PDB file of N, CA and C in Angstrom:
ATOM      1  N   MET A   1      48.371  -0.642-142.646  1.00  0.00           N
ATOM      2  CA  MET A   1      47.488  -1.777-142.675  1.00  0.00           C
ATOM      3  C   MET A   1      46.345  -1.494-141.706  1.00  0.00           C
ATOM      4  N   SER A   2      45.129  -1.678-142.184  1.00  0.00           N
ATOM      5  CA  SER A   2      43.968  -1.429-141.326  1.00  0.00           C
ATOM      6  C   SER A   2      43.802  -2.599-140.366  1.00  0.00           C
ATOM      7  N   SER A   3      43.029  -2.370-139.323  1.00  0.00           N
ATOM      8  CA  SER A   3      42.833  -3.417-138.323  1.00  0.00           C
ATOM      9  C   SER A   3      42.139  -4.636-138.934  1.00  0.00           C
ATOM     10  N   HIS A   4      41.245  -4.412-139.901  1.00  0.00           N
ATOM     11  CA  HIS A   4      40.559  -5.532-140.560  1.00  0.00           C
ATOM     12  C   HIS A   4      41.573  -6.394-141.318  1.00  0.00           C
ATOM     13  N   GLN A   5      42.479  -5.754-142.028  1.00  0.00           N
ATOM     14  CA  GLN A   5      43.493  -6.494-142.777  1.00  0.00           C
ATOM     15  C   GLN A   5      44.444  -7.217-141.823  1.00  0.00           C
ATOM     16  N   TRP A   6      44.749  -6.566-140.713  1.00  0.00           N
ATOM     17  CA  TRP A   6      45.636  -7.185-139.732  1.00  0.00           C
ATOM     18  C   TRP A   6      45.009  -8.453-139.161  1.00  0.00           C
ATOM     19  N   TYR A   7      43.715  -8.395-138.785  1.00  0.00           N
ATOM     20  CA  TYR A   7      43.026  -9.576-138.249  1.00  0.00           C
ATOM     21  C   TYR A   7      42.965 -10.699-139.293  1.00  0.00           C
ATOM     22  N   ARG A   8      42.722 -10.305-140.519  1.00  0.00           N
ATOM     23  CA  ARG A   8      42.650 -11.291-141.594  1.00  0.00           C
ATOM     24  C   ARG A   8      44.012 -11.960-141.785  1.00  0.00           C
ATOM     25  N   ALA A   9      45.072 -11.187-141.807  1.00  0.00           N
ATOM     26  CA  ALA A   9      46.420 -11.740-141.958  1.00  0.00           C
ATOM     27  C   ALA A   9      46.768 -12.639-140.780  1.00  0.00           C
ATOM     28  N   ALA A  10      46.423 -12.207-139.584  1.00  0.00           N
ATOM     29  CA  ALA A  10      46.689 -13.021-138.395  1.00  0.00           C
ATOM     30  C   ALA A  10      45.899 -14.325-138.457  1.00  0.00           C
ATOM     31  N   GLY A  11      44.670 -14.249-138.926  1.00  0.00           N
ATOM     32  CA  GLY A  11      43.847 -15.454-139.056  1.00  0.00           C
ATOM     33  C   GLY A  11      44.425 -16.435-140.054  1.00  0.00           C
ATOM     34  N   ILE A  12      44.891 -15.916-141.174  1.00  0.00           N
ATOM     35  CA  ILE A  12      45.485 -16.780-142.198  1.00  0.00           C
ATOM     36  C   ILE A  12      46.763 -17.415-141.674  1.00  0.00           C
ATOM     37  N   ILE A  13      47.581 -16.642-141.007  1.00  0.00           N
ATOM     38  CA  ILE A  13      48.822 -17.176-140.431  1.00  0.00           C
ATOM     39  C   ILE A  13      48.495 -18.241-139.383  1.00  0.00           C
ATOM     40  N   GLY A  14      47.501 -17.956-138.552  1.00  0.00           N
ATOM     41  CA  GLY A  14      47.097 -18.925-137.531  1.00  0.00           C
ATOM     42  C   GLY A  14      46.590 -20.214-138.142  1.00  0.00           C
ATOM     43  N   LEU A  15      45.777 -20.102-139.177  1.00  0.00           N
ATOM     44  CA  LEU A  15      45.254 -21.280-139.861  1.00  0.00           C
ATOM     45  C   LEU A  15      46.382 -22.083-140.491  1.00  0.00           C
ATOM     46  N   ALA A  16      47.313 -21.393-141.106  1.00  0.00           N
ATOM     47  CA  ALA A  16      48.454 -22.078-141.714  1.00  0.00           C
ATOM     48  C   ALA A  16      49.270 -22.807-140.652  1.00  0.00           C
ATOM     49  N   ALA A  17      49.447 -22.186-139.500  1.00  0.00           N
ATOM     50  CA  ALA A  17      50.200 -22.825-138.416  1.00  0.00           C
ATOM     51  C   ALA A  17      49.492 -24.080-137.925  1.00  0.00           C
ATOM     52  N   VAL A  18      48.174 -24.020-137.799  1.00  0.00           N
ATOM     53  CA  VAL A  18      47.405 -25.178-137.350  1.00  0.00           C
ATOM     54  C   VAL A  18      47.500 -26.311-138.365  1.00  0.00           C
ATOM     55  N   VAL A  19      47.367 -25.974-139.641  1.00  0.00           N
ATOM     56  CA  VAL A  19      47.459 -26.992-140.689  1.00  0.00           C
ATOM     57  C   VAL A  19      48.841 -27.627-140.684  1.00  0.00           C
ATOM     58  N   MET A  20      49.879 -26.818-140.586  1.00  0.00           N
ATOM     59  CA  MET A  20      51.243 -27.344-140.575  1.00  0.00           C
ATOM     60  C   MET A  20      51.489 -28.184-139.336  1.00  0.00           C
ATOM     61  N   ALA A  21      50.983 -27.769-138.199  1.00  0.00           N
ATOM     62  CA  ALA A  21      51.150 -28.540-136.969  1.00  0.00           C
ATOM     63  C   ALA A  21      50.411 -29.860-137.074  1.00  0.00           C
ATOM     64  N   GLY A  22      49.239 -29.836-137.690  1.00  0.00           N
ATOM     65  CA  GLY A  22      48.470 -31.067-137.872  1.00  0.00           C
ATOM     66  C   GLY A  22      49.206 -32.054-138.742  1.00  0.00           C
ATOM     67  N   CYS A  23      49.836 -31.582-139.786  1.00  0.00           N
ATOM     68  CA  CYS A  23      50.592 -32.463-140.672  1.00  0.00           C
ATOM     69  C   CYS A  23      51.841 -32.997-139.987  1.00  0.00           C
ATOM     70  N   ALA A  24      52.468 -32.187-139.184  1.00  0.00           N
ATOM     71  CA  ALA A  24      53.702 -32.577-138.532  1.00  0.00           C
ATOM     72  C   ALA A  24      53.462 -33.417-137.292  1.00  0.00           C
ATOM     73  N   SER A  25      52.259 -33.449-136.771  1.00  0.00           N
ATOM     74  CA  SER A  25      52.018 -34.137-135.514  1.00  0.00           C
ATOM     75  C   SER A  25      52.035 -35.651-135.658  1.00  0.00           C
ATOM     76  N   VAL A  26      51.806 -36.178-136.846  1.00  0.00           N
ATOM     77  CA  VAL A  26      51.840 -37.625-137.058  1.00  0.00           C
ATOM     78  C   VAL A  26      52.978 -37.929-138.020  1.00  0.00           C
ATOM     79  N   PRO A  27      54.122 -38.316-137.470  1.00  0.00           N
ATOM     80  CA  PRO A  27      55.268 -38.589-138.346  1.00  0.00           C
ATOM     81  C   PRO A  27      55.078 -39.894-139.121  1.00  0.00           C
ATOM     82  N   LYS A  28      55.794 -40.007-140.195  1.00  0.00           N
ATOM     83  CA  LYS A  28      55.765 -41.206-141.026  1.00  0.00           C
ATOM     84  C   LYS A  28      56.298 -42.382-140.195  1.00  0.00           C
ATOM     85  N   PRO A  29      55.516 -43.449-140.046  1.00  0.00           N
ATOM     86  CA  PRO A  29      55.906 -44.545-139.139  1.00  0.00           C
ATOM     87  C   PRO A  29      56.842 -45.575-139.786  1.00  0.00           C
ATOM     88  N   THR A  30      57.937 -45.119-140.349  1.00  0.00           N
ATOM     89  CA  THR A  30      58.839 -46.041-141.041  1.00  0.00           C
ATOM     90  C   THR A  30      59.457 -47.061-140.084  1.00  0.00           C
ATOM     91  N   ASP A  31      59.798 -46.642-138.870  1.00  0.00           N
ATOM     92  CA  ASP A  31      60.379 -47.579-137.898  1.00  0.00           C
ATOM     93  C   ASP A  31      59.376 -48.659-137.530  1.00  0.00           C
ATOM     94  N   GLN A  32      58.130 -48.253-137.272  1.00  0.00           N
ATOM     95  CA  GLN A  32      57.096 -49.227-136.910  1.00  0.00           C
ATOM     96  C   GLN A  32      56.833 -50.188-138.058  1.00  0.00           C
ATOM     97  N   MET A  33      56.849 -49.693-139.277  1.00  0.00           N
ATOM     98  CA  MET A  33      56.646 -50.559-140.438  1.00  0.00           C
ATOM     99  C   MET A  33      57.764 -51.609-140.509  1.00  0.00           C
ATOM    100  N   ALA A  34      58.999 -51.183-140.268  1.00  0.00           N
ATOM    101  CA  ALA A  34      60.132 -52.111-140.313  1.00  0.00           C
ATOM    102  C   ALA A  34      60.035 -53.150-139.199  1.00  0.00           C
ATOM    103  N   VAL A  35      59.680 -52.701-137.998  1.00  0.00           N
ATOM    104  CA  VAL A  35      59.544 -53.623-136.865  1.00  0.00           C
ATOM    105  C   VAL A  35      58.436 -54.639-137.140  1.00  0.00           C
ATOM    106  N   SER A  36      57.336 -54.180-137.689  1.00  0.00           N
ATOM    107  CA  SER A  36      56.218 -55.069-137.989  1.00  0.00           C
ATOM    108  C   SER A  36      56.580 -56.070-139.080  1.00  0.00           C
ATOM    109  N   ASN A  37      57.287 -55.618-140.107  1.00  0.00           N
ATOM    110  CA  ASN A  37      57.748 -56.540-141.151  1.00  0.00           C
ATOM    111  C   ASN A  37      58.683 -57.595-140.572  1.00  0.00           C
ATOM    112  N   ALA A  38      59.562 -57.180-139.673  1.00  0.00           N
ATOM    113  CA  ALA A  38      60.485 -58.125-139.031  1.00  0.00           C
ATOM    114  C   ALA A  38      59.718 -59.133-138.178  1.00  0.00           C
ATOM    115  N   ALA A  39      58.679 -58.673-137.480  1.00  0.00           N
ATOM    116  CA  ALA A  39      57.872 -59.583-136.655  1.00  0.00           C
ATOM    117  C   ALA A  39      57.172 -60.618-137.525  1.00  0.00           C
ATOM    118  N   ILE A  40      56.674 -60.193-138.681  1.00  0.00           N
ATOM    119  CA  ILE A  40      56.025 -61.132-139.598  1.00  0.00           C
ATOM    120  C   ILE A  40      57.035 -62.142-140.128  1.00  0.00           C
ATOM    121  N   SER A  41      58.220 -61.691-140.511  1.00  0.00           N
ATOM    122  CA  SER A  41      59.267 -62.602-140.993  1.00  0.00           C
ATOM    123  C   SER A  41      59.665 -63.602-139.916  1.00  0.00           C
ATOM    124  N   SER A  42      59.771 -63.129-138.694  1.00  0.00           N
ATOM    125  CA  SER A  42      60.132 -64.003-137.579  1.00  0.00           C
ATOM    126  C   SER A  42      59.049 -65.047-137.329  1.00  0.00           C
ATOM    127  N   ALA A  43      57.797 -64.624-137.425  1.00  0.00           N
ATOM    128  CA  ALA A  43      56.683 -65.556-137.226  1.00  0.00           C
ATOM    129  C   ALA A  43      56.657 -66.614-138.329  1.00  0.00           C
ATOM    130  N   VAL A  44      56.930 -66.214-139.563  1.00  0.00           N
ATOM    131  CA  VAL A  44      56.984 -67.175-140.666  1.00  0.00           C
ATOM    132  C   VAL A  44      58.101 -68.174-140.423  1.00  0.00           C
ATOM    133  N   SER A  45      59.270 -67.691-140.008  1.00  0.00           N
ATOM    134  CA  SER A  45      60.412 -68.566-139.730  1.00  0.00           C
ATOM    135  C   SER A  45      60.121 -69.545-138.599  1.00  0.00           C
ATOM    136  N   ALA A  46      59.307 -69.108-137.636  1.00  0.00           N
ATOM    137  CA  ALA A  46      58.964 -69.953-136.489  1.00  0.00           C
ATOM    138  C   ALA A  46      57.895 -70.985-136.824  1.00  0.00           C
ATOM    139  N   GLY A  47      57.308 -70.880-138.019  1.00  0.00           N
ATOM    140  CA  GLY A  47      56.264 -71.822-138.394  1.00  0.00           C
ATOM    141  C   GLY A  47      54.867 -71.290-138.178  1.00  0.00           C
ATOM    142  N   GLY A  48      54.739 -69.985-138.075  1.00  0.00           N
ATOM    143  CA  GLY A  48      53.432 -69.372-137.844  1.00  0.00           C
ATOM    144  C   GLY A  48      52.415 -69.694-138.906  1.00  0.00           C
ATOM    145  N   SER A  49      52.852 -69.801-140.151  1.00  0.00           N
ATOM    146  CA  SER A  49      51.917 -70.118-141.239  1.00  0.00           C
ATOM    147  C   SER A  49      51.312 -71.503-141.059  1.00  0.00           C
ATOM    148  N   GLN A  50      52.085 -72.418-140.506  1.00  0.00           N
ATOM    149  CA  GLN A  50      51.611 -73.785-140.301  1.00  0.00           C
ATOM    150  C   GLN A  50      50.789 -73.906-139.016  1.00  0.00           C
ATOM    151  N   TYR A  51      51.282 -73.329-137.936  1.00  0.00           N
ATOM    152  CA  TYR A  51      50.671 -73.533-136.632  1.00  0.00           C
ATOM    153  C   TYR A  51      49.648 -72.473-136.234  1.00  0.00           C
ATOM    154  N   ALA A  52      49.683 -71.317-136.874  1.00  0.00           N
ATOM    155  CA  ALA A  52      48.756 -70.227-136.535  1.00  0.00           C
ATOM    156  C   ALA A  52      48.360 -69.478-137.812  1.00  0.00           C
ATOM    157  N   PRO A  53      47.708 -70.181-138.737  1.00  0.00           N
ATOM    158  CA  PRO A  53      47.393 -69.550-140.021  1.00  0.00           C
ATOM    159  C   PRO A  53      46.432 -68.370-139.920  1.00  0.00           C
ATOM    160  N   VAL A  54      45.507 -68.411-138.966  1.00  0.00           N
ATOM    161  CA  VAL A  54      44.547 -67.305-138.820  1.00  0.00           C
ATOM    162  C   VAL A  54      45.276 -66.027-138.416  1.00  0.00           C
ATOM    163  N   GLU A  55      46.158 -66.151-137.446  1.00  0.00           N
ATOM    164  CA  GLU A  55      46.908 -64.985-136.974  1.00  0.00           C
ATOM    165  C   GLU A  55      47.871 -64.470-138.043  1.00  0.00           C
ATOM    166  N   MET A  56      48.486 -65.385-138.792  1.00  0.00           N
ATOM    167  CA  MET A  56      49.399 -64.961-139.856  1.00  0.00           C
ATOM    168  C   MET A  56      48.648 -64.241-140.964  1.00  0.00           C
ATOM    169  N   THR A  57      47.471 -64.743-141.302  1.00  0.00           N
ATOM    170  CA  THR A  57      46.669 -64.063-142.320  1.00  0.00           C
ATOM    171  C   THR A  57      46.286 -62.672-141.843  1.00  0.00           C
ATOM    172  N   ALA A  58      45.868 -62.567-140.583  1.00  0.00           N
ATOM    173  CA  ALA A  58      45.504 -61.258-140.026  1.00  0.00           C
ATOM    174  C   ALA A  58      46.699 -60.310-140.073  1.00  0.00           C
ATOM    175  N   ALA A  59      47.873 -60.811-139.708  1.00  0.00           N
ATOM    176  CA  ALA A  59      49.077 -59.969-139.704  1.00  0.00           C
ATOM    177  C   ALA A  59      49.406 -59.473-141.109  1.00  0.00           C
ATOM    178  N   THR A  60      49.358 -60.370-142.089  1.00  0.00           N
ATOM    179  CA  THR A  60      49.730 -59.955-143.438  1.00  0.00           C
ATOM    180  C   THR A  60      48.687 -59.022-144.058  1.00  0.00           C
ATOM    181  N   VAL A  61      47.418 -59.268-143.768  1.00  0.00           N
ATOM    182  CA  VAL A  61      46.368 -58.376-144.290  1.00  0.00           C
ATOM    183  C   VAL A  61      46.516 -56.984-143.673  1.00  0.00           C
ATOM    184  N   LYS A  62      46.738 -56.924-142.364  1.00  0.00           N
ATOM    185  CA  LYS A  62      46.888 -55.619-141.707  1.00  0.00           C
ATOM    186  C   LYS A  62      48.138 -54.898-142.184  1.00  0.00           C
ATOM    187  N   MET A  63      49.194 -55.655-142.456  1.00  0.00           N
ATOM    188  CA  MET A  63      50.423 -55.024-142.942  1.00  0.00           C
ATOM    189  C   MET A  63      50.208 -54.453-144.336  1.00  0.00           C
ATOM    190  N   GLU A  64      49.477 -55.165-145.170  1.00  0.00           N
ATOM    191  CA  GLU A  64      49.172 -54.644-146.501  1.00  0.00           C
ATOM    192  C   GLU A  64      48.322 -53.387-146.400  1.00  0.00           C
ATOM    193  N   ARG A  65      47.354 -53.389-145.496  1.00  0.00           N
ATOM    194  CA  ARG A  65      46.531 -52.194-145.297  1.00  0.00           C
ATOM    195  C   ARG A  65      47.376 -51.040-144.751  1.00  0.00           C
ATOM    196  N   ALA A  66      48.376 -51.350-143.925  1.00  0.00           N
ATOM    197  CA  ALA A  66      49.290 -50.312-143.418  1.00  0.00           C
ATOM    198  C   ALA A  66      50.092 -49.712-144.569  1.00  0.00           C
ATOM    199  N   ARG A  67      50.551 -50.560-145.493  1.00  0.00           N
ATOM    200  CA  ARG A  67      51.285 -50.055-146.669  1.00  0.00           C
ATOM    201  C   ARG A  67      50.394 -49.139-147.510  1.00  0.00           C
ATOM    202  N   GLN A  68      49.140 -49.533-147.675  1.00  0.00           N
ATOM    203  CA  GLN A  68      48.208 -48.716-148.441  1.00  0.00           C
ATOM    204  C   GLN A  68      47.978 -47.373-147.743  1.00  0.00           C
ATOM    205  N   ALA A  69      47.865 -47.396-146.420  1.00  0.00           N
ATOM    206  CA  ALA A  69      47.701 -46.150-145.664  1.00  0.00           C
ATOM    207  C   ALA A  69      48.937 -45.272-145.810  1.00  0.00           C
ATOM    208  N   MET A  70      50.121 -45.877-145.830  1.00  0.00           N
ATOM    209  CA  MET A  70      51.355 -45.096-146.036  1.00  0.00           C
ATOM    210  C   MET A  70      51.318 -44.430-147.404  1.00  0.00           C
ATOM    211  N   ASP A  71      50.871 -45.164-148.415  1.00  0.00           N
ATOM    212  CA  ASP A  71      50.787 -44.597-149.767  1.00  0.00           C
ATOM    213  C   ASP A  71      49.837 -43.399-149.814  1.00  0.00           C
ATOM    214  N   ARG A  72      48.785 -43.466-149.009  1.00  0.00           N
ATOM    215  CA  ARG A  72      47.818 -42.353-148.937  1.00  0.00           C
ATOM    216  C   ARG A  72      48.284 -41.249-147.989  1.00  0.00           C
ATOM    217  N   GLU A  73      49.427 -41.466-147.350  1.00  0.00           N
ATOM    218  CA  GLU A  73      49.986 -40.554-146.351  1.00  0.00           C
ATOM    219  C   GLU A  73      49.078 -40.418-145.134  1.00  0.00           C
ATOM    220  N   ASP A  74      48.332 -41.477-144.835  1.00  0.00           N
ATOM    221  CA  ASP A  74      47.508 -41.562-143.635  1.00  0.00           C
ATOM    222  C   ASP A  74      48.354 -42.275-142.580  1.00  0.00           C
ATOM    223  N   TYR A  75      49.301 -41.530-142.010  1.00  0.00           N
ATOM    224  CA  TYR A  75      50.310 -42.113-141.139  1.00  0.00           C
ATOM    225  C   TYR A  75      49.743 -42.629-139.824  1.00  0.00           C
ATOM    226  N   GLU A  76      48.701 -42.017-139.327  1.00  0.00           N
ATOM    227  CA  GLU A  76      48.088 -42.485-138.078  1.00  0.00           C
ATOM    228  C   GLU A  76      47.505 -43.890-138.284  1.00  0.00           C
ATOM    229  N   SER A  77      46.761 -44.078-139.354  1.00  0.00           N
ATOM    230  CA  SER A  77      46.203 -45.399-139.659  1.00  0.00           C
ATOM    231  C   SER A  77      47.315 -46.401-139.956  1.00  0.00           C
ATOM    232  N   ALA A  78      48.323 -45.959-140.670  1.00  0.00           N
ATOM    233  CA  ALA A  78      49.439 -46.850-141.007  1.00  0.00           C
ATOM    234  C   ALA A  78      50.126 -47.346-139.740  1.00  0.00           C
ATOM    235  N   ARG A  79      50.363 -46.453-138.797  1.00  0.00           N
ATOM    236  CA  ARG A  79      51.013 -46.846-137.544  1.00  0.00           C
ATOM    237  C   ARG A  79      50.141 -47.837-136.778  1.00  0.00           C
ATOM    238  N   TRP A  80      48.846 -47.518-136.660  1.00  0.00           N
ATOM    239  CA  TRP A  80      47.941 -48.380-135.904  1.00  0.00           C
ATOM    240  C   TRP A  80      47.866 -49.764-136.547  1.00  0.00           C
ATOM    241  N   LEU A  81      47.722 -49.820-137.871  1.00  0.00           N
ATOM    242  CA  LEU A  81      47.639 -51.105-138.558  1.00  0.00           C
ATOM    243  C   LEU A  81      48.947 -51.887-138.444  1.00  0.00           C
ATOM    244  N   ALA A  82      50.066 -51.201-138.540  1.00  0.00           N
ATOM    245  CA  ALA A  82      51.365 -51.877-138.406  1.00  0.00           C
ATOM    246  C   ALA A  82      51.535 -52.435-136.995  1.00  0.00           C
ATOM    247  N   GLU A  83      51.098 -51.684-135.993  1.00  0.00           N
ATOM    248  CA  GLU A  83      51.173 -52.185-134.618  1.00  0.00           C
ATOM    249  C   GLU A  83      50.299 -53.421-134.440  1.00  0.00           C
ATOM    250  N   GLN A  84      49.117 -53.390-135.033  1.00  0.00           N
ATOM    251  CA  GLN A  84      48.221 -54.542-134.965  1.00  0.00           C
ATOM    252  C   GLN A  84      48.837 -55.744-135.704  1.00  0.00           C
ATOM    253  N   ALA A  85      49.429 -55.506-136.837  1.00  0.00           N
ATOM    254  CA  ALA A  85      50.086 -56.582-137.587  1.00  0.00           C
ATOM    255  C   ALA A  85      51.220 -57.187-136.767  1.00  0.00           C
ATOM    256  N   GLN A  86      51.965 -56.335-136.092  1.00  0.00           N
ATOM    257  CA  GLN A  86      53.055 -56.814-135.244  1.00  0.00           C
ATOM    258  C   GLN A  86      52.512 -57.690-134.117  1.00  0.00           C
ATOM    259  N   ALA A  87      51.444 -57.265-133.476  1.00  0.00           N
ATOM    260  CA  ALA A  87      50.843 -58.052-132.392  1.00  0.00           C
ATOM    261  C   ALA A  87      50.348 -59.400-132.911  1.00  0.00           C
ATOM    262  N   ASP A  88      49.690 -59.397-134.068  1.00  0.00           N
ATOM    263  CA  ASP A  88      49.206 -60.649-134.647  1.00  0.00           C
ATOM    264  C   ASP A  88      50.373 -61.579-134.995  1.00  0.00           C
ATOM    265  N   ALA A  89      51.427 -61.022-135.535  1.00  0.00           N
ATOM    266  CA  ALA A  89      52.600 -61.822-135.906  1.00  0.00           C
ATOM    267  C   ALA A  89      53.262 -62.414-134.666  1.00  0.00           C
ATOM    268  N   ARG A  90      53.371 -61.639-133.624  1.00  0.00           N
ATOM    269  CA  ARG A  90      53.982 -62.158-132.382  1.00  0.00           C
ATOM    270  C   ARG A  90      53.128 -63.261-131.767  1.00  0.00           C
ATOM    271  N   LEU A  91      51.807 -63.085-131.828  1.00  0.00           N
ATOM    272  CA  LEU A  91      50.912 -64.133-131.340  1.00  0.00           C
ATOM    273  C   LEU A  91      51.097 -65.401-132.172  1.00  0.00           C
ATOM    274  N   ALA A  92      51.185 -65.263-133.483  1.00  0.00           N
ATOM    275  CA  ALA A  92      51.400 -66.421-134.353  1.00  0.00           C
ATOM    276  C   ALA A  92      52.719 -67.114-134.024  1.00  0.00           C
ATOM    277  N   GLU A  93      53.743 -66.329-133.784  1.00  0.00           N
ATOM    278  CA  GLU A  93      55.050 -66.905-133.448  1.00  0.00           C
ATOM    279  C   GLU A  93      54.980 -67.675-132.135  1.00  0.00           C
ATOM    280  N   LYS A  94      54.326 -67.095-131.137  1.00  0.00           N
ATOM    281  CA  LYS A  94      54.214 -67.765-129.832  1.00  0.00           C
ATOM    282  C   LYS A  94      53.366 -69.033-129.934  1.00  0.00           C
ATOM    283  N   LYS A  95      52.296 -68.988-130.734  1.00  0.00           N
ATOM    284  CA  LYS A  95      51.483 -70.189-130.933  1.00  0.00           C
ATOM    285  C   LYS A  95      52.297 -71.280-131.620  1.00  0.00           C
ATOM    286  N   ALA A  96      53.113 -70.894-132.592  1.00  0.00           N
ATOM    287  CA  ALA A  96      53.962 -71.864-133.282  1.00  0.00           C
ATOM    288  C   ALA A  96      54.979 -72.462-132.314  1.00  0.00           C
ATOM    289  N   ASP A  97      55.601 -71.612-131.518  1.00  0.00           N
ATOM    290  CA  ASP A  97      56.569 -72.103-130.524  1.00  0.00           C
ATOM    291  C   ASP A  97      55.899 -73.066-129.553  1.00  0.00           C
ATOM    292  N   SER A  98      54.701 -72.710-129.107  1.00  0.00           N
ATOM    293  CA  SER A  98      53.963 -73.554-128.173  1.00  0.00           C
ATOM    294  C   SER A  98      53.601 -74.894-128.806  1.00  0.00           C
ATOM    295  N   ALA A  99      53.133 -74.873-130.033  1.00  0.00           N
ATOM    296  CA  ALA A  99      52.762 -76.118-130.721  1.00  0.00           C
ATOM    297  C   ALA A  99      53.982 -77.019-130.899  1.00  0.00           C
ATOM    298  N   LYS A 100      55.115 -76.432-131.250  1.00  0.00           N
ATOM    299  CA  LYS A 100      56.329 -77.230-131.415  1.00  0.00           C
ATOM    300  C   LYS A 100      56.795 -77.801-130.078  1.00  0.00           C
ATOM    301  N   ALA A 101      56.665 -77.013-129.020  1.00  0.00           N
ATOM    302  CA  ALA A 101      57.042 -77.505-127.689  1.00  0.00           C
ATOM    303  C   ALA A 101      56.127 -78.648-127.257  1.00  0.00           C
ATOM    304  N   GLN A 102      54.836 -78.531-127.553  1.00  0.00           N
ATOM    305  CA  GLN A 102      53.905 -79.611-127.223  1.00  0.00           C
ATOM    306  C   GLN A 102      54.244 -80.875-127.999  1.00  0.00           C
ATOM    307  N   LYS A 103      54.591 -80.735-129.257  1.00  0.00           N
ATOM    308  CA  LYS A 103      54.993 -81.892-130.063  1.00  0.00           C
ATOM    309  C   LYS A 103      56.230 -82.559-129.467  1.00  0.00           C
ATOM    310  N   ALA A 104      57.201 -81.732-129.101  1.00  0.00           N
ATOM    311  CA  ALA A 104      58.433 -82.262-128.513  1.00  0.00           C
ATOM    312  C   ALA A 104      58.142 -82.962-127.186  1.00  0.00           C
ATOM    313  N   ALA A 105      57.254 -82.399-126.388  1.00  0.00           N
ATOM    314  CA  ALA A 105      56.884 -83.023-125.113  1.00  0.00           C
ATOM    315  C   ALA A 105      56.205 -84.366-125.346  1.00  0.00           C
ATOM    316  N   MET A 106      55.381 -84.451-126.375  1.00  0.00           N
ATOM    317  CA  MET A 106      54.717 -85.719-126.693  1.00  0.00           C
ATOM    318  C   MET A 106      55.736 -86.773-127.127  1.00  0.00           C
ATOM    319  N   VAL A 107      56.739 -86.372-127.895  1.00  0.00           N
ATOM    320  CA  VAL A 107      57.782 -87.296-128.330  1.00  0.00           C
ATOM    321  C   VAL A 107      58.551 -87.809-127.117  1.00  0.00           C
ATOM    322  N   VAL A 108      58.907 -86.913-126.215  1.00  0.00           N
ATOM    323  CA  VAL A 108      59.630 -87.313-125.003  1.00  0.00           C
ATOM    324  C   VAL A 108      58.771 -88.258-124.169  1.00  0.00           C
ATOM    325  N   SER A 109      57.492 -87.935-124.042  1.00  0.00           N
ATOM    326  CA  SER A 109      56.582 -88.789-123.285  1.00  0.00           C
ATOM    327  C   SER A 109      56.487 -90.183-123.911  1.00  0.00           C
ATOM    328  N   ASP A 110      56.408 -90.239-125.225  1.00  0.00           N
ATOM    329  CA  ASP A 110      56.374 -91.535-125.915  1.00  0.00           C
ATOM    330  C   ASP A 110      57.677 -92.297-125.702  1.00  0.00           C
ATOM    331  N   ASP A 111      58.801 -91.599-125.744  1.00  0.00           N
ATOM    332  CA  ASP A 111      60.103 -92.239-125.509  1.00  0.00           C
ATOM    333  C   ASP A 111      60.185 -92.799-124.093  1.00  0.00           C
ATOM    334  N   ILE A 112      59.698 -92.040-123.133  1.00  0.00           N
ATOM    335  CA  ILE A 112      59.704 -92.499-121.742  1.00  0.00           C
ATOM    336  C   ILE A 112      58.831 -93.752-121.601  1.00  0.00           C
ATOM    337  N   ARG A 113      57.677 -93.721-122.210  1.00  0.00           N
ATOM    338  CA  ARG A 113      56.772 -94.875-122.166  1.00  0.00           C
ATOM    339  C   ARG A 113      57.449 -96.108-122.786  1.00  0.00           C
ATOM    340  N   ALA A 114      58.132 -95.920-123.906  1.00  0.00           N
ATOM    341  CA  ALA A 114      58.821 -97.032-124.556  1.00  0.00           C
ATOM    342  C   ALA A 114      59.943 -97.570-123.672  1.00  0.00           C
ATOM    343  N   LEU A 115      60.683 -96.699-123.024  1.00  0.00           N
ATOM    344  CA  LEU A 115      61.752 -97.136-122.122  1.00  0.00           C
ATOM    345  C   LEU A 115      61.182 -97.907-120.939  1.00  0.00           C
ATOM    346  N   ARG A 116      60.067 -97.431-120.379  1.00  0.00           N
ATOM    347  CA  ARG A 116      59.436 -98.147-119.259  1.00  0.00           C
ATOM    348  C   ARG A 116      58.983 -99.536-119.694  1.00  0.00           C
ATOM    349  N   ASP A 117      58.400 -99.612-120.867  1.00  0.00           N
ATOM    350  CA  ASP A 117      57.965-100.904-121.383  1.00  0.00           C
ATOM    351  C   ASP A 117      59.159-101.845-121.541  1.00  0.00           C
ATOM    352  N   GLU A 118      60.259-101.319-122.063  1.00  0.00           N
ATOM    353  CA  GLU A 118      61.471-102.120-122.246  1.00  0.00           C
ATOM    354  C   GLU A 118      62.021-102.579-120.898  1.00  0.00           C
ATOM    355  N   ILE A 119      62.044-101.700-119.914  1.00  0.00           N
ATOM    356  CA  ILE A 119      62.523-102.055-118.578  1.00  0.00           C
ATOM    357  C   ILE A 119      61.626-103.124-117.966  1.00  0.00           C
ATOM    358  N   ASN A 120      60.327-102.964-118.093  1.00  0.00           N
ATOM    359  CA  ASN A 120      59.383-103.940-117.541  1.00  0.00           C
ATOM    360  C   ASN A 120      59.545-105.312-118.213  1.00  0.00           C
ATOM    361  N   ARG A 121      59.782-105.351-119.505  1.00  0.00           N
ATOM    362  CA  ARG A 121      59.979-106.608-120.209  1.00  0.00           C
ATOM    363  C   ARG A 121      61.239-107.310-119.758  1.00  0.00           C
ATOM    364  N   LYS A 122      62.309-106.544-119.558  1.00  0.00           N
ATOM    365  CA  LYS A 122      63.585-107.122-119.176  1.00  0.00           C
ATOM    366  C   LYS A 122      63.577-107.600-117.727  1.00  0.00           C
ATOM    367  N   SER A 123      62.756-106.964-116.871  1.00  0.00           N
ATOM    368  CA  SER A 123      62.736-107.328-115.455  1.00  0.00           C
ATOM    369  C   SER A 123      61.875-108.562-115.192  1.00  0.00           C
ATOM    370  N   LYS A 124      61.143-109.029-116.167  1.00  0.00           N
ATOM    371  CA  LYS A 124      60.266-110.194-115.983  1.00  0.00           C
ATOM    372  C   LYS A 124      60.978-111.466-116.250  1.00  0.00           C
TER     373      LYS A 124
END
């Protein structure tokens, strides 16, 4: 083998190694997709659609875009979009929890006010 052929073969092998390493460097984000789907389900169960519709819409749109990226084998984009969907879903869940807690606090406050009124009426 001449030196020219040797350099060419080494170059091709090197290029193949770089291409293979590039493909292997971003693994398929199946775990992240599952975690993000679970976060969206949890947010829906918590009332996110009712109390945080903007965040829920963002989460579901980003999750759909993550699925599309997975179909294209664009795993880096899929992971990033799934992570964003998870963050949006968690925010929606926390907003829903907060809204429900505020409602419950208002009910308790109204009950306390009613009890005070009843006590004041009876003491007169």
